[in-house]
Amino acid sequence: MEFQGDGKIRTLIVEDSPIYRGILKECLEKLFSSITVEEASEGDEGVQKTGVFRPQIVFMDIQLPDGNGLDLIEKMKAKHSGVKVVLMTGFDSPEYREAAIRRGADGYIDKNSLNPGQVEKMVKSLLGK
């Protein structure tokens, strides 16, 4: 996995809820001292930041004001082929999970049961640690 020159893990959170973005950002920063977190509140902004910021991991809500996270996976991976995308939803169902995997998601999180241990395990798994 490629890292910034300072060895930091680059992570992007694409989530329309500022409260949820803040909670996830705080969780990531507490778990990993070597992390840089960028935020986007809409899908188009997230796709743009993927091309510029070049995150290793993107945590993205499935339902965004300007699009569907499932549709945005391909756009993000086209901007930065090595990016790992974790889709998040508050409406967990087998259908969403299957659709996420089919569309190229590297992970899936139910926002209602999110906990620090789950976040840590997901990041380490995606980075091969």
Protein backbone atom coordinates (compact mmCIF):
# COMPACT_ATOMS: atom_id res chain seq x y z
CA MET A 1 0.00 0.00 0.00
CA GLU A 2 1.43 3.39 -0.88
CA PHE A 3 1.78 5.92 1.93
CA GLN A 4 2.40 9.63 2.07
CA GLY A 5 6.02 10.65 2.48
CA ASP A 6 5.45 11.00 6.22
CA GLY A 7 4.13 7.42 6.52
CA LYS A 8 0.55 8.45 7.29
CA ILE A 9 -2.46 6.39 6.27
CA ARG A 10 -4.68 8.52 4.03
CA THR A 11 -8.39 8.05 4.69
CA LEU A 12 -11.42 9.80 3.22
CA ILE A 13 -14.87 9.82 4.82
CA VAL A 14 -17.73 10.53 2.40
CA GLU A 15 -20.81 11.02 4.56
CA ASP A 16 -23.55 13.66 4.49
CA SER A 17 -24.07 13.65 8.27
CA PRO A 18 -21.50 15.95 9.92
CA ILE A 19 -22.16 14.23 13.25
CA TYR A 20 -21.43 10.77 11.89
CA ARG A 21 -18.38 12.03 9.96
CA GLY A 22 -17.05 13.52 13.19
CA ILE A 23 -17.62 10.35 15.18
CA LEU A 24 -15.87 8.17 12.59
CA LYS A 25 -13.00 10.66 12.18
CA GLU A 26 -12.45 10.82 15.94
CA CYS A 27 -12.54 7.02 16.15
CA LEU A 28 -9.95 6.65 13.37
CA GLU A 29 -7.64 9.27 14.87
CA LYS A 30 -7.79 7.60 18.31
CA LEU A 31 -7.08 4.16 16.85
CA PHE A 32 -4.28 5.15 14.47
CA SER A 33 -1.70 7.79 15.30
CA SER A 34 -0.40 7.60 11.73
CA ILE A 35 -3.62 8.63 9.96
CA THR A 36 -4.68 11.65 7.94
CA VAL A 37 -8.45 11.99 7.50
CA GLU A 38 -10.15 14.10 4.84
CA GLU A 39 -13.90 14.57 4.69
CA ALA A 40 -16.53 15.07 1.99
CA SER A 41 -20.25 15.60 2.47
CA GLU A 42 -21.34 14.57 -1.04
CA GLY A 43 -20.39 11.97 -3.61
CA ASP A 44 -19.03 14.32 -6.29
CA GLU A 45 -16.83 16.01 -3.69
CA GLY A 46 -15.64 12.58 -2.56
CA VAL A 47 -14.75 11.52 -6.11
CA GLN A 48 -12.84 14.79 -6.63
CA LYS A 49 -10.94 14.39 -3.34
CA THR A 50 -10.07 10.80 -4.26
CA GLY A 51 -8.21 12.05 -7.32
CA VAL A 52 -6.37 14.78 -5.40
CA PHE A 53 -5.87 13.35 -1.89
CA ARG A 54 -5.31 9.77 -3.14
CA PRO A 55 -6.63 7.99 -0.05
CA GLN A 56 -5.84 4.37 0.66
CA ILE A 57 -9.25 3.85 2.27
CA VAL A 58 -12.59 5.55 1.65
CA PHE A 59 -15.46 5.10 4.09
CA MET A 60 -18.57 6.03 2.07
CA ASP A 61 -22.24 6.18 2.90
CA ILE A 62 -24.49 4.32 0.46
CA GLN A 63 -27.10 7.09 0.43
CA LEU A 64 -25.70 10.53 -0.36
CA PRO A 65 -27.57 13.71 -1.35
CA ASP A 66 -26.13 13.71 -4.87
CA GLY A 67 -25.89 10.01 -5.60
CA ASN A 68 -25.71 6.43 -4.57
CA GLY A 69 -22.50 5.14 -2.97
CA LEU A 70 -22.83 1.94 -4.99
CA ASP A 71 -22.64 3.96 -8.22
CA LEU A 72 -19.70 6.02 -6.96
CA ILE A 73 -17.37 3.06 -6.31
CA GLU A 74 -16.41 2.78 -9.99
CA LYS A 75 -15.78 6.52 -10.30
CA MET A 76 -13.52 6.48 -7.23
CA LYS A 77 -11.57 3.46 -8.37
CA ALA A 78 -11.14 5.04 -11.81
CA LYS A 79 -9.58 8.12 -10.15
CA HIS A 80 -7.29 6.00 -7.96
CA SER A 81 -7.15 2.30 -8.77
CA GLY A 82 -5.55 1.26 -5.48
CA VAL A 83 -8.23 2.76 -3.24
CA LYS A 84 -10.15 0.47 -0.89
CA VAL A 85 -13.81 1.46 -0.50
CA VAL A 86 -15.85 0.57 2.58
CA LEU A 87 -19.57 1.19 2.13
CA MET A 88 -21.58 2.22 5.17
CA THR A 89 -25.33 2.12 5.68
CA GLY A 90 -27.88 2.43 8.43
CA PHE A 91 -30.13 -0.01 6.55
CA ASP A 92 -28.18 -3.24 6.72
CA SER A 93 -29.55 -6.05 4.58
CA PRO A 94 -28.16 -9.01 2.66
CA GLU A 95 -29.22 -7.29 -0.59
CA TYR A 96 -27.13 -4.19 0.21
CA ARG A 97 -24.14 -6.34 1.16
CA GLU A 98 -24.37 -8.37 -2.05
CA ALA A 99 -24.79 -5.25 -4.19
CA ALA A 100 -21.79 -3.62 -2.47
CA ILE A 101 -19.54 -6.60 -3.19
CA ARG A 102 -20.77 -6.87 -6.81
CA ARG A 103 -20.02 -3.18 -7.38
CA GLY A 104 -16.46 -3.50 -6.06
CA ALA A 105 -16.67 -2.56 -2.38
CA ASP A 106 -13.78 -3.87 -0.32
CA GLY A 107 -15.76 -3.74 2.92
CA TYR A 108 -19.19 -3.08 4.36
CA ILE A 109 -20.21 -1.59 7.70
CA ASP A 110 -23.61 -1.32 9.35
CA LYS A 111 -23.57 2.18 10.83
CA ASN A 112 -25.97 1.13 13.60
CA SER A 113 -23.52 -1.41 15.01
CA LEU A 114 -20.27 0.45 14.33
CA ASN A 115 -17.69 0.17 17.09
CA PRO A 116 -13.97 1.00 17.41
CA GLY A 117 -12.95 -2.67 17.33
CA GLN A 118 -14.77 -3.18 14.04
CA VAL A 119 -13.18 -0.05 12.52
CA GLU A 120 -9.69 -1.10 13.64
CA LYS A 121 -10.12 -4.63 12.27
CA MET A 122 -11.44 -3.28 8.93
CA VAL A 123 -8.55 -0.81 8.45
CA LYS A 124 -5.89 -3.37 9.37
CA SER A 125 -7.45 -5.94 7.07
CA LEU A 126 -7.59 -3.52 4.13
CA LEU A 127 -3.98 -2.45 4.67
CA GLY A 128 -2.78 -6.04 5.04
CA LYS A 129 -1.60 -5.60 8.62
